[in-house]
Amino acid sequence: MFGEVCLERNAERMAAISSTIRTAPRIGLALGGGGARGLAHIPVLEAFDDLGVKPTLITGTSIGAIIGAAYASGHNGEKIREIALETFADRNSVLAKVWQLRPRRFSEMFRPGLVQFDPVRVLEVFVSEHLPGTFEELDIPLRLLATDFYGCEEVDFERGRLLPAMAASIAIPTIFRPVRHEGRFLIDGGVVNPLPFDGLRGSCDIVVAVDVVGAPVPHPDKPDINMLDSLFGSAQILMQTITAQKLKFEQPDILIRPPHDKTGVLDFMKAERILDNAESLRATTREKLAELLEEVPRVTSI
């Protein structure tokens, strides 16, 4: 009898304990597009590592798709920094990789219009060795965004082969050829959603968004605006406008933005400088996230 009473009380006690078990708040991390400026995402990831927390879900557009995929695959921020610096440390090494991207057929050199890179091939040459083959092999759920060129709408990827989805997300018009997928032509996700924090609120308690689009900055040594500056600067203005409109209807809990500077979309050879300039984002993210982690009620696990 006594034993039965003890067992019953222990069962009640365990039930009471289990009802008070708490799990950490779910964090959604949105990494936006911005070309080489997207290397500023890395100090933000390092802030997550400093706190010993991981996002529940990562969404990425353009360069945010690449950085997000690397983090979701299990690399920490320090390792991603190391990969970025090693990749762009030596100009001759980069040029050798770019040489591998040359048209494989002679006829492709004379196609009408500008010479465009194949984004799938670019990823194969520069980053594929650091990533798994599919979304299903990632450690953290990942959603990547692209744009349906003719459908004029956002296309999301969350499963299947990883590299083609990333290629579609980074396919900056004029620089990369559109990616053909299931009968659609897909281009850079930043065209429709440069900062993909929307949709995270439904499944996450805390939403962190990192906006690296930037804005056109005058060059005192340039009396005029050249063609590339005009093209990329116009894209920055359009993406800033889209994000500003989105922010009127929904706000992430933490919005991180590196300062505007003269970093160009293709300035990847300036990786060390970009990371140095963005170093303050690490402390800023760490402080803001730590504060929210204390404030947000923890979810009861049954």
C-alpha atoms as a PDB file:
ATOM      1  CA  MET A   1       0.000   0.000   0.000  1.00  0.00           C
ATOM      2  CA  PHE A   2       2.732   2.388   1.006  1.00  0.00           C
ATOM      3  CA  GLY A   3       4.637   1.583  -2.189  1.00  0.00           C
ATOM      4  CA  GLU A   4       1.579   2.257  -4.328  1.00  0.00           C
ATOM      5  CA  VAL A   5       1.080   5.643  -2.646  1.00  0.00           C
ATOM      6  CA  CYS A   6       4.729   6.544  -3.269  1.00  0.00           C
ATOM      7  CA  LEU A   7       4.482   5.559  -6.904  1.00  0.00           C
ATOM      8  CA  GLU A   8       1.328   7.616  -7.308  1.00  0.00           C
ATOM      9  CA  ARG A   9       2.934  10.662  -5.697  1.00  0.00           C
ATOM     10  CA  ASN A  10       6.047  10.270  -7.846  1.00  0.00           C
ATOM     11  CA  ALA A  11       3.882  10.092 -10.940  1.00  0.00           C
ATOM     12  CA  GLU A  12       2.074  13.276  -9.883  1.00  0.00           C
ATOM     13  CA  ARG A  13       5.391  14.985  -9.198  1.00  0.00           C
ATOM     14  CA  MET A  14       6.814  14.004 -12.604  1.00  0.00           C
ATOM     15  CA  ALA A  15       3.639  15.201 -14.305  1.00  0.00           C
ATOM     16  CA  ALA A  16       3.964  18.555 -12.535  1.00  0.00           C
ATOM     17  CA  ILE A  17       7.619  18.835 -13.535  1.00  0.00           C
ATOM     18  CA  SER A  18       6.945  17.960 -17.182  1.00  0.00           C
ATOM     19  CA  SER A  19       4.246  20.600 -17.387  1.00  0.00           C
ATOM     20  CA  THR A  20       6.794  23.258 -16.418  1.00  0.00           C
ATOM     21  CA  ILE A  21       9.548  22.184 -18.804  1.00  0.00           C
ATOM     22  CA  ARG A  22      10.405  25.139 -21.003  1.00  0.00           C
ATOM     23  CA  THR A  23      11.964  25.314 -24.417  1.00  0.00           C
ATOM     24  CA  ALA A  24      13.959  28.246 -25.758  1.00  0.00           C
ATOM     25  CA  PRO A  25      12.064  30.830 -27.821  1.00  0.00           C
ATOM     26  CA  ARG A  26      11.952  29.976 -31.514  1.00  0.00           C
ATOM     27  CA  ILE A  27      14.058  32.397 -33.579  1.00  0.00           C
ATOM     28  CA  GLY A  28      13.517  33.187 -37.243  1.00  0.00           C
ATOM     29  CA  LEU A  29      16.492  34.678 -39.102  1.00  0.00           C
ATOM     30  CA  ALA A  30      16.025  36.541 -42.401  1.00  0.00           C
ATOM     31  CA  LEU A  31      19.145  37.268 -44.463  1.00  0.00           C
ATOM     32  CA  GLY A  32      18.617  39.789 -47.237  1.00  0.00           C
ATOM     33  CA  GLY A  33      20.231  40.433 -50.595  1.00  0.00           C
ATOM     34  CA  GLY A  34      22.961  42.950 -51.350  1.00  0.00           C
ATOM     35  CA  GLY A  35      25.813  41.345 -53.272  1.00  0.00           C
ATOM     36  CA  ALA A  36      29.222  41.634 -51.636  1.00  0.00           C
ATOM     37  CA  ARG A  37      27.690  43.677 -48.805  1.00  0.00           C
ATOM     38  CA  GLY A  38      26.048  40.422 -47.770  1.00  0.00           C
ATOM     39  CA  LEU A  39      29.306  39.332 -46.159  1.00  0.00           C
ATOM     40  CA  ALA A  40      28.102  41.592 -43.327  1.00  0.00           C
ATOM     41  CA  HIS A  41      25.701  38.765 -42.449  1.00  0.00           C
ATOM     42  CA  ILE A  42      28.643  36.867 -40.964  1.00  0.00           C
ATOM     43  CA  PRO A  43      29.140  38.954 -37.764  1.00  0.00           C
ATOM     44  CA  VAL A  44      25.418  38.512 -37.087  1.00  0.00           C
ATOM     45  CA  LEU A  45      25.835  34.735 -37.259  1.00  0.00           C
ATOM     46  CA  GLU A  46      28.811  35.006 -34.924  1.00  0.00           C
ATOM     47  CA  ALA A  47      26.581  36.831 -32.428  1.00  0.00           C
ATOM     48  CA  PHE A  48      24.218  33.842 -32.458  1.00  0.00           C
ATOM     49  CA  ASP A  49      27.216  31.596 -31.794  1.00  0.00           C
ATOM     50  CA  ASP A  50      28.379  33.847 -28.937  1.00  0.00           C
ATOM     51  CA  LEU A  51      25.016  33.323 -27.243  1.00  0.00           C
ATOM     52  CA  GLY A  52      24.947  29.605 -27.973  1.00  0.00           C
ATOM     53  CA  VAL A  53      21.614  29.804 -29.817  1.00  0.00           C
ATOM     54  CA  LYS A  54      20.535  28.682 -33.268  1.00  0.00           C
ATOM     55  CA  PRO A  55      17.666  29.902 -35.457  1.00  0.00           C
ATOM     56  CA  THR A  56      14.630  27.662 -35.769  1.00  0.00           C
ATOM     57  CA  LEU A  57      14.227  28.727 -39.400  1.00  0.00           C
ATOM     58  CA  ILE A  58      16.405  30.693 -41.819  1.00  0.00           C
ATOM     59  CA  THR A  59      15.119  32.534 -44.871  1.00  0.00           C
ATOM     60  CA  GLY A  60      17.486  33.915 -47.481  1.00  0.00           C
ATOM     61  CA  THR A  61      17.460  36.009 -50.627  1.00  0.00           C
ATOM     62  CA  SER A  62      20.376  36.321 -53.065  1.00  0.00           C
ATOM     63  CA  ILE A  63      23.663  36.536 -51.082  1.00  0.00           C
ATOM     64  CA  GLY A  64      21.536  35.783 -48.025  1.00  0.00           C
ATOM     65  CA  ALA A  65      20.692  32.455 -49.662  1.00  0.00           C
ATOM     66  CA  ILE A  66      24.385  31.521 -49.818  1.00  0.00           C
ATOM     67  CA  ILE A  67      25.249  32.632 -46.275  1.00  0.00           C
ATOM     68  CA  GLY A  68      22.022  31.131 -44.940  1.00  0.00           C
ATOM     69  CA  ALA A  69      22.702  27.786 -46.624  1.00  0.00           C
ATOM     70  CA  ALA A  70      26.215  27.679 -45.184  1.00  0.00           C
ATOM     71  CA  TYR A  71      24.941  28.361 -41.657  1.00  0.00           C
ATOM     72  CA  ALA A  72      22.030  25.938 -42.011  1.00  0.00           C
ATOM     73  CA  SER A  73      24.454  23.227 -43.135  1.00  0.00           C
ATOM     74  CA  GLY A  74      26.238  23.295 -39.778  1.00  0.00           C
ATOM     75  CA  HIS A  75      29.102  25.749 -40.318  1.00  0.00           C
ATOM     76  CA  ASN A  76      29.363  28.323 -37.536  1.00  0.00           C
ATOM     77  CA  GLY A  77      29.956  32.009 -38.177  1.00  0.00           C
ATOM     78  CA  GLU A  78      33.700  31.748 -37.620  1.00  0.00           C
ATOM     79  CA  LYS A  79      34.011  28.979 -40.206  1.00  0.00           C
ATOM     80  CA  ILE A  80      31.953  30.935 -42.755  1.00  0.00           C
ATOM     81  CA  ARG A  81      34.205  33.954 -42.171  1.00  0.00           C
ATOM     82  CA  GLU A  82      37.237  31.744 -42.739  1.00  0.00           C
ATOM     83  CA  ILE A  83      35.784  30.355 -45.980  1.00  0.00           C
ATOM     84  CA  ALA A  84      34.937  33.844 -47.271  1.00  0.00           C
ATOM     85  CA  LEU A  85      38.392  35.246 -46.517  1.00  0.00           C
ATOM     86  CA  GLU A  86      40.166  32.231 -48.015  1.00  0.00           C
ATOM     87  CA  THR A  87      37.998  32.307 -51.128  1.00  0.00           C
ATOM     88  CA  PHE A  88      38.750  35.951 -51.890  1.00  0.00           C
ATOM     89  CA  ALA A  89      42.250  36.280 -50.411  1.00  0.00           C
ATOM     90  CA  ASP A  90      44.143  35.739 -53.646  1.00  0.00           C
ATOM     91  CA  ARG A  91      43.146  37.514 -56.857  1.00  0.00           C
ATOM     92  CA  ASN A  92      44.910  34.982 -59.069  1.00  0.00           C
ATOM     93  CA  SER A  93      43.022  32.129 -57.419  1.00  0.00           C
ATOM     94  CA  VAL A  94      39.706  33.912 -57.967  1.00  0.00           C
ATOM     95  CA  LEU A  95      40.595  34.628 -61.599  1.00  0.00           C
ATOM     96  CA  ALA A  96      41.432  30.955 -62.096  1.00  0.00           C
ATOM     97  CA  LYS A  97      37.978  30.022 -60.834  1.00  0.00           C
ATOM     98  CA  VAL A  98      36.353  32.679 -63.019  1.00  0.00           C
ATOM     99  CA  TRP A  99      38.222  31.166 -65.983  1.00  0.00           C
ATOM    100  CA  GLN A 100      36.408  27.895 -65.262  1.00  0.00           C
ATOM    101  CA  LEU A 101      33.150  29.803 -65.802  1.00  0.00           C
ATOM    102  CA  ARG A 102      33.948  30.678 -69.416  1.00  0.00           C
ATOM    103  CA  PRO A 103      31.431  29.440 -72.019  1.00  0.00           C
ATOM    104  CA  ARG A 104      31.967  25.724 -72.660  1.00  0.00           C
ATOM    105  CA  ARG A 105      30.830  25.988 -76.272  1.00  0.00           C
ATOM    106  CA  PHE A 106      32.355  28.373 -78.772  1.00  0.00           C
ATOM    107  CA  SER A 107      28.907  29.394 -80.041  1.00  0.00           C
ATOM    108  CA  GLU A 108      27.922  30.674 -76.576  1.00  0.00           C
ATOM    109  CA  MET A 109      30.553  33.401 -76.815  1.00  0.00           C
ATOM    110  CA  PHE A 110      28.571  35.017 -79.607  1.00  0.00           C
ATOM    111  CA  ARG A 111      25.080  34.904 -78.169  1.00  0.00           C
ATOM    112  CA  PRO A 112      23.195  38.215 -78.570  1.00  0.00           C
ATOM    113  CA  GLY A 113      23.393  40.641 -75.657  1.00  0.00           C
ATOM    114  CA  LEU A 114      25.709  40.754 -72.665  1.00  0.00           C
ATOM    115  CA  VAL A 115      27.798  37.767 -71.627  1.00  0.00           C
ATOM    116  CA  GLN A 116      26.100  36.282 -68.568  1.00  0.00           C
ATOM    117  CA  PHE A 117      27.375  33.723 -66.088  1.00  0.00           C
ATOM    118  CA  ASP A 118      25.553  30.501 -65.308  1.00  0.00           C
ATOM    119  CA  PRO A 119      24.713  30.853 -61.573  1.00  0.00           C
ATOM    120  CA  VAL A 120      24.621  27.082 -61.040  1.00  0.00           C
ATOM    121  CA  ARG A 121      28.141  26.797 -62.404  1.00  0.00           C
ATOM    122  CA  VAL A 122      29.322  29.728 -60.267  1.00  0.00           C
ATOM    123  CA  LEU A 123      28.085  27.981 -57.137  1.00  0.00           C
ATOM    124  CA  GLU A 124      29.629  24.675 -58.219  1.00  0.00           C
ATOM    125  CA  VAL A 125      33.028  26.336 -58.590  1.00  0.00           C
ATOM    126  CA  PHE A 126      32.976  28.623 -55.543  1.00  0.00           C
ATOM    127  CA  VAL A 127      30.855  27.069 -52.773  1.00  0.00           C
ATOM    128  CA  SER A 128      29.555  23.573 -53.550  1.00  0.00           C
ATOM    129  CA  GLU A 129      32.317  21.792 -51.612  1.00  0.00           C
ATOM    130  CA  HIS A 130      31.075  23.408 -48.392  1.00  0.00           C
ATOM    131  CA  LEU A 131      27.402  22.453 -48.761  1.00  0.00           C
ATOM    132  CA  PRO A 132      25.233  19.329 -48.824  1.00  0.00           C
ATOM    133  CA  GLY A 133      23.274  18.369 -51.905  1.00  0.00           C
ATOM    134  CA  THR A 134      19.737  18.811 -50.610  1.00  0.00           C
ATOM    135  CA  PHE A 135      17.613  20.857 -48.219  1.00  0.00           C
ATOM    136  CA  GLU A 136      16.806  17.668 -46.346  1.00  0.00           C
ATOM    137  CA  GLU A 137      20.459  17.276 -45.310  1.00  0.00           C
ATOM    138  CA  LEU A 138      20.617  20.688 -43.613  1.00  0.00           C
ATOM    139  CA  ASP A 139      20.818  21.025 -39.827  1.00  0.00           C
ATOM    140  CA  ILE A 140      18.433  24.005 -39.758  1.00  0.00           C
ATOM    141  CA  PRO A 141      15.290  24.380 -41.910  1.00  0.00           C
ATOM    142  CA  LEU A 142      15.946  26.813 -44.750  1.00  0.00           C
ATOM    143  CA  ARG A 143      13.685  28.722 -47.133  1.00  0.00           C
ATOM    144  CA  LEU A 144      15.213  30.378 -50.203  1.00  0.00           C
ATOM    145  CA  LEU A 145      13.480  32.940 -52.398  1.00  0.00           C
ATOM    146  CA  ALA A 146      13.638  33.563 -56.123  1.00  0.00           C
ATOM    147  CA  THR A 147      11.505  35.508 -58.606  1.00  0.00           C
ATOM    148  CA  ASP A 148       9.418  34.084 -61.443  1.00  0.00           C
ATOM    149  CA  PHE A 149      10.384  36.434 -64.288  1.00  0.00           C
ATOM    150  CA  TYR A 150       7.247  36.008 -66.387  1.00  0.00           C
ATOM    151  CA  GLY A 151       4.917  35.197 -63.506  1.00  0.00           C
ATOM    152  CA  CYS A 152       6.037  38.348 -61.636  1.00  0.00           C
ATOM    153  CA  GLU A 153       5.857  36.576 -58.290  1.00  0.00           C
ATOM    154  CA  GLU A 154       7.934  35.130 -55.477  1.00  0.00           C
ATOM    155  CA  VAL A 155       8.997  31.491 -55.649  1.00  0.00           C
ATOM    156  CA  ASP A 156      10.021  29.725 -52.421  1.00  0.00           C
ATOM    157  CA  PHE A 157      12.268  26.670 -52.100  1.00  0.00           C
ATOM    158  CA  GLU A 158      12.341  24.491 -48.971  1.00  0.00           C
ATOM    159  CA  ARG A 159      13.067  20.983 -50.240  1.00  0.00           C
ATOM    160  CA  GLY A 160      14.896  19.126 -52.970  1.00  0.00           C
ATOM    161  CA  ARG A 161      18.248  19.986 -54.534  1.00  0.00           C
ATOM    162  CA  LEU A 162      19.959  22.895 -52.828  1.00  0.00           C
ATOM    163  CA  LEU A 163      22.300  24.304 -55.494  1.00  0.00           C
ATOM    164  CA  PRO A 164      19.662  25.046 -58.182  1.00  0.00           C
ATOM    165  CA  ALA A 165      17.504  26.839 -55.595  1.00  0.00           C
ATOM    166  CA  MET A 166      20.461  28.934 -54.486  1.00  0.00           C
ATOM    167  CA  ALA A 167      21.330  29.655 -58.116  1.00  0.00           C
ATOM    168  CA  ALA A 168      17.833  30.948 -58.800  1.00  0.00           C
ATOM    169  CA  SER A 169      17.954  33.127 -55.689  1.00  0.00           C
ATOM    170  CA  ILE A 170      21.269  34.785 -56.652  1.00  0.00           C
ATOM    171  CA  ALA A 171      20.539  35.236 -60.381  1.00  0.00           C
ATOM    172  CA  ILE A 172      21.093  39.006 -60.516  1.00  0.00           C
ATOM    173  CA  PRO A 173      19.752  40.296 -63.862  1.00  0.00           C
ATOM    174  CA  THR A 174      22.426  41.063 -66.490  1.00  0.00           C
ATOM    175  CA  ILE A 175      25.146  39.347 -64.400  1.00  0.00           C
ATOM    176  CA  PHE A 176      23.640  35.856 -64.329  1.00  0.00           C
ATOM    177  CA  ARG A 177      21.462  33.930 -66.728  1.00  0.00           C
ATOM    178  CA  PRO A 178      17.977  33.137 -65.405  1.00  0.00           C
ATOM    179  CA  VAL A 179      17.560  29.639 -64.001  1.00  0.00           C
ATOM    180  CA  ARG A 180      14.984  27.486 -65.739  1.00  0.00           C
ATOM    181  CA  HIS A 181      12.937  25.465 -63.257  1.00  0.00           C
ATOM    182  CA  GLU A 182       9.741  23.514 -63.942  1.00  0.00           C
ATOM    183  CA  GLY A 183       8.972  25.594 -67.027  1.00  0.00           C
ATOM    184  CA  ARG A 184       9.638  28.941 -65.349  1.00  0.00           C
ATOM    185  CA  PHE A 185      12.533  31.371 -65.686  1.00  0.00           C
ATOM    186  CA  LEU A 186      13.749  32.405 -62.247  1.00  0.00           C
ATOM    187  CA  ILE A 187      15.851  35.422 -61.305  1.00  0.00           C
ATOM    188  CA  ASP A 188      17.188  37.036 -58.109  1.00  0.00           C
ATOM    189  CA  GLY A 189      14.767  36.835 -55.181  1.00  0.00           C
ATOM    190  CA  GLY A 190      15.643  40.401 -54.215  1.00  0.00           C
ATOM    191  CA  VAL A 191      13.575  41.662 -57.141  1.00  0.00           C
ATOM    192  CA  VAL A 192      10.364  40.849 -55.231  1.00  0.00           C
ATOM    193  CA  ASN A 193      11.542  40.305 -51.643  1.00  0.00           C
ATOM    194  CA  PRO A 194      14.941  41.738 -50.715  1.00  0.00           C
ATOM    195  CA  LEU A 195      14.455  41.148 -46.951  1.00  0.00           C
ATOM    196  CA  PRO A 196      12.400  37.972 -46.410  1.00  0.00           C
ATOM    197  CA  PHE A 197      11.279  38.352 -42.795  1.00  0.00           C
ATOM    198  CA  ASP A 198       7.582  38.107 -43.651  1.00  0.00           C
ATOM    199  CA  GLY A 199       6.158  34.681 -42.952  1.00  0.00           C
ATOM    200  CA  LEU A 200       8.505  34.004 -40.039  1.00  0.00           C
ATOM    201  CA  ARG A 201       6.174  35.398 -37.379  1.00  0.00           C
ATOM    202  CA  GLY A 202       3.720  32.536 -37.690  1.00  0.00           C
ATOM    203  CA  SER A 203       6.261  29.924 -36.608  1.00  0.00           C
ATOM    204  CA  CYS A 204       8.771  31.938 -34.579  1.00  0.00           C
ATOM    205  CA  ASP A 205       8.685  33.891 -31.317  1.00  0.00           C
ATOM    206  CA  ILE A 206      11.549  36.226 -32.276  1.00  0.00           C
ATOM    207  CA  VAL A 207      12.262  37.499 -35.798  1.00  0.00           C
ATOM    208  CA  VAL A 208      15.711  38.844 -36.669  1.00  0.00           C
ATOM    209  CA  ALA A 209      16.210  40.486 -40.086  1.00  0.00           C
ATOM    210  CA  VAL A 210      19.520  41.595 -41.603  1.00  0.00           C
ATOM    211  CA  ASP A 211      19.186  44.202 -44.369  1.00  0.00           C
ATOM    212  CA  VAL A 212      22.394  44.565 -46.413  1.00  0.00           C
ATOM    213  CA  VAL A 213      20.966  46.172 -49.571  1.00  0.00           C
ATOM    214  CA  GLY A 214      22.601  49.540 -48.947  1.00  0.00           C
ATOM    215  CA  ALA A 215      22.038  52.633 -51.083  1.00  0.00           C
ATOM    216  CA  PRO A 216      23.914  54.553 -53.777  1.00  0.00           C
ATOM    217  CA  VAL A 217      26.814  56.538 -52.305  1.00  0.00           C
ATOM    218  CA  PRO A 218      28.538  59.406 -54.186  1.00  0.00           C
ATOM    219  CA  HIS A 219      32.121  58.908 -55.295  1.00  0.00           C
ATOM    220  CA  PRO A 220      33.994  62.236 -54.943  1.00  0.00           C
ATOM    221  CA  ASP A 221      36.545  61.090 -57.542  1.00  0.00           C
ATOM    222  CA  LYS A 222      33.845  60.297 -60.124  1.00  0.00           C
ATOM    223  CA  PRO A 223      32.206  63.323 -61.790  1.00  0.00           C
ATOM    224  CA  ASP A 224      29.468  61.180 -63.344  1.00  0.00           C
ATOM    225  CA  ILE A 225      27.463  57.995 -62.749  1.00  0.00           C
ATOM    226  CA  ASN A 226      28.652  55.136 -64.952  1.00  0.00           C
ATOM    227  CA  MET A 227      26.443  52.412 -66.393  1.00  0.00           C
ATOM    228  CA  LEU A 228      27.050  49.784 -63.696  1.00  0.00           C
ATOM    229  CA  ASP A 229      26.625  52.279 -60.857  1.00  0.00           C
ATOM    230  CA  SER A 230      23.371  53.415 -62.435  1.00  0.00           C
ATOM    231  CA  LEU A 231      22.132  49.838 -62.862  1.00  0.00           C
ATOM    232  CA  PHE A 232      23.016  48.564 -59.404  1.00  0.00           C
ATOM    233  CA  GLY A 233      22.117  51.836 -57.683  1.00  0.00           C
ATOM    234  CA  SER A 234      18.660  51.791 -59.243  1.00  0.00           C
ATOM    235  CA  ALA A 235      18.204  48.211 -58.033  1.00  0.00           C
ATOM    236  CA  GLN A 236      19.195  49.301 -54.524  1.00  0.00           C
ATOM    237  CA  ILE A 237      16.621  52.094 -54.574  1.00  0.00           C
ATOM    238  CA  LEU A 238      13.885  49.723 -55.734  1.00  0.00           C
ATOM    239  CA  MET A 239      14.755  47.132 -53.092  1.00  0.00           C
ATOM    240  CA  GLN A 240      14.897  49.783 -50.375  1.00  0.00           C
ATOM    241  CA  THR A 241      11.433  50.920 -51.451  1.00  0.00           C
ATOM    242  CA  ILE A 242      10.029  47.377 -51.256  1.00  0.00           C
ATOM    243  CA  THR A 243      11.476  46.864 -47.789  1.00  0.00           C
ATOM    244  CA  ALA A 244      10.215  50.241 -46.567  1.00  0.00           C
ATOM    245  CA  GLN A 245       6.691  49.326 -47.670  1.00  0.00           C
ATOM    246  CA  LYS A 246       6.893  45.937 -45.959  1.00  0.00           C
ATOM    247  CA  LEU A 247       8.056  47.551 -42.718  1.00  0.00           C
ATOM    248  CA  LYS A 248       4.910  49.693 -42.643  1.00  0.00           C
ATOM    249  CA  PHE A 249       2.807  46.554 -42.168  1.00  0.00           C
ATOM    250  CA  GLU A 250       5.098  44.268 -40.177  1.00  0.00           C
ATOM    251  CA  GLN A 251       8.251  44.744 -38.141  1.00  0.00           C
ATOM    252  CA  PRO A 252      10.929  42.213 -37.205  1.00  0.00           C
ATOM    253  CA  ASP A 253      11.872  42.227 -33.526  1.00  0.00           C
ATOM    254  CA  ILE A 254      15.472  43.023 -34.447  1.00  0.00           C
ATOM    255  CA  LEU A 255      16.455  44.827 -37.648  1.00  0.00           C
ATOM    256  CA  ILE A 256      20.180  44.937 -38.345  1.00  0.00           C
ATOM    257  CA  ARG A 257      21.686  47.192 -41.017  1.00  0.00           C
ATOM    258  CA  PRO A 258      25.370  47.850 -41.726  1.00  0.00           C
ATOM    259  CA  PRO A 259      26.212  51.484 -42.475  1.00  0.00           C
ATOM    260  CA  HIS A 260      25.974  52.599 -46.091  1.00  0.00           C
ATOM    261  CA  ASP A 261      29.358  52.706 -47.780  1.00  0.00           C
ATOM    262  CA  LYS A 262      30.921  52.520 -51.231  1.00  0.00           C
ATOM    263  CA  THR A 263      30.963  48.713 -51.370  1.00  0.00           C
ATOM    264  CA  GLY A 264      29.767  47.599 -54.781  1.00  0.00           C
ATOM    265  CA  VAL A 265      27.590  44.604 -55.550  1.00  0.00           C
ATOM    266  CA  LEU A 266      30.560  42.697 -56.979  1.00  0.00           C
ATOM    267  CA  ASP A 267      33.274  43.897 -54.559  1.00  0.00           C
ATOM    268  CA  PHE A 268      33.928  40.426 -53.120  1.00  0.00           C
ATOM    269  CA  MET A 269      37.688  40.965 -53.323  1.00  0.00           C
ATOM    270  CA  LYS A 270      37.190  43.516 -50.524  1.00  0.00           C
ATOM    271  CA  ALA A 271      35.908  40.783 -48.196  1.00  0.00           C
ATOM    272  CA  GLU A 272      38.279  41.617 -45.341  1.00  0.00           C
ATOM    273  CA  ARG A 273      37.351  45.294 -45.395  1.00  0.00           C
ATOM    274  CA  ILE A 274      33.622  44.524 -45.569  1.00  0.00           C
ATOM    275  CA  LEU A 275      33.884  42.226 -42.547  1.00  0.00           C
ATOM    276  CA  ASP A 276      35.944  44.780 -40.601  1.00  0.00           C
ATOM    277  CA  ASN A 277      33.391  47.515 -41.317  1.00  0.00           C
ATOM    278  CA  ALA A 278      30.560  45.237 -40.195  1.00  0.00           C
ATOM    279  CA  GLU A 279      32.231  44.054 -36.995  1.00  0.00           C
ATOM    280  CA  SER A 280      30.047  46.284 -34.794  1.00  0.00           C
ATOM    281  CA  LEU A 281      26.989  44.296 -35.921  1.00  0.00           C
ATOM    282  CA  ARG A 282      28.194  41.372 -33.823  1.00  0.00           C
ATOM    283  CA  ALA A 283      27.946  43.226 -30.523  1.00  0.00           C
ATOM    284  CA  THR A 284      24.739  44.995 -31.545  1.00  0.00           C
ATOM    285  CA  THR A 285      23.029  41.728 -32.482  1.00  0.00           C
ATOM    286  CA  ARG A 286      24.320  39.947 -29.386  1.00  0.00           C
ATOM    287  CA  GLU A 287      23.029  42.629 -27.040  1.00  0.00           C
ATOM    288  CA  LYS A 288      19.614  42.982 -28.670  1.00  0.00           C
ATOM    289  CA  LEU A 289      19.070  39.246 -28.986  1.00  0.00           C
ATOM    290  CA  ALA A 290      20.181  38.512 -25.426  1.00  0.00           C
ATOM    291  CA  GLU A 291      17.718  41.112 -24.150  1.00  0.00           C
ATOM    292  CA  LEU A 292      14.853  39.621 -26.153  1.00  0.00           C
ATOM    293  CA  LEU A 293      15.680  36.090 -25.074  1.00  0.00           C
ATOM    294  CA  GLU A 294      15.191  37.226 -21.486  1.00  0.00           C
ATOM    295  CA  GLU A 295      11.950  39.049 -22.209  1.00  0.00           C
ATOM    296  CA  VAL A 296      10.118  36.618 -24.508  1.00  0.00           C
ATOM    297  CA  PRO A 297       8.044  34.094 -22.527  1.00  0.00           C
ATOM    298  CA  ARG A 298       9.364  30.587 -22.953  1.00  0.00           C
ATOM    299  CA  VAL A 299       7.101  28.054 -24.590  1.00  0.00           C
ATOM    300  CA  THR A 300       5.738  25.268 -22.395  1.00  0.00           C
ATOM    301  CA  SER A 301       6.580  21.787 -23.655  1.00  0.00           C
ATOM    302  CA  ILE A 302       3.972  19.112 -22.907  1.00  0.00           C
END
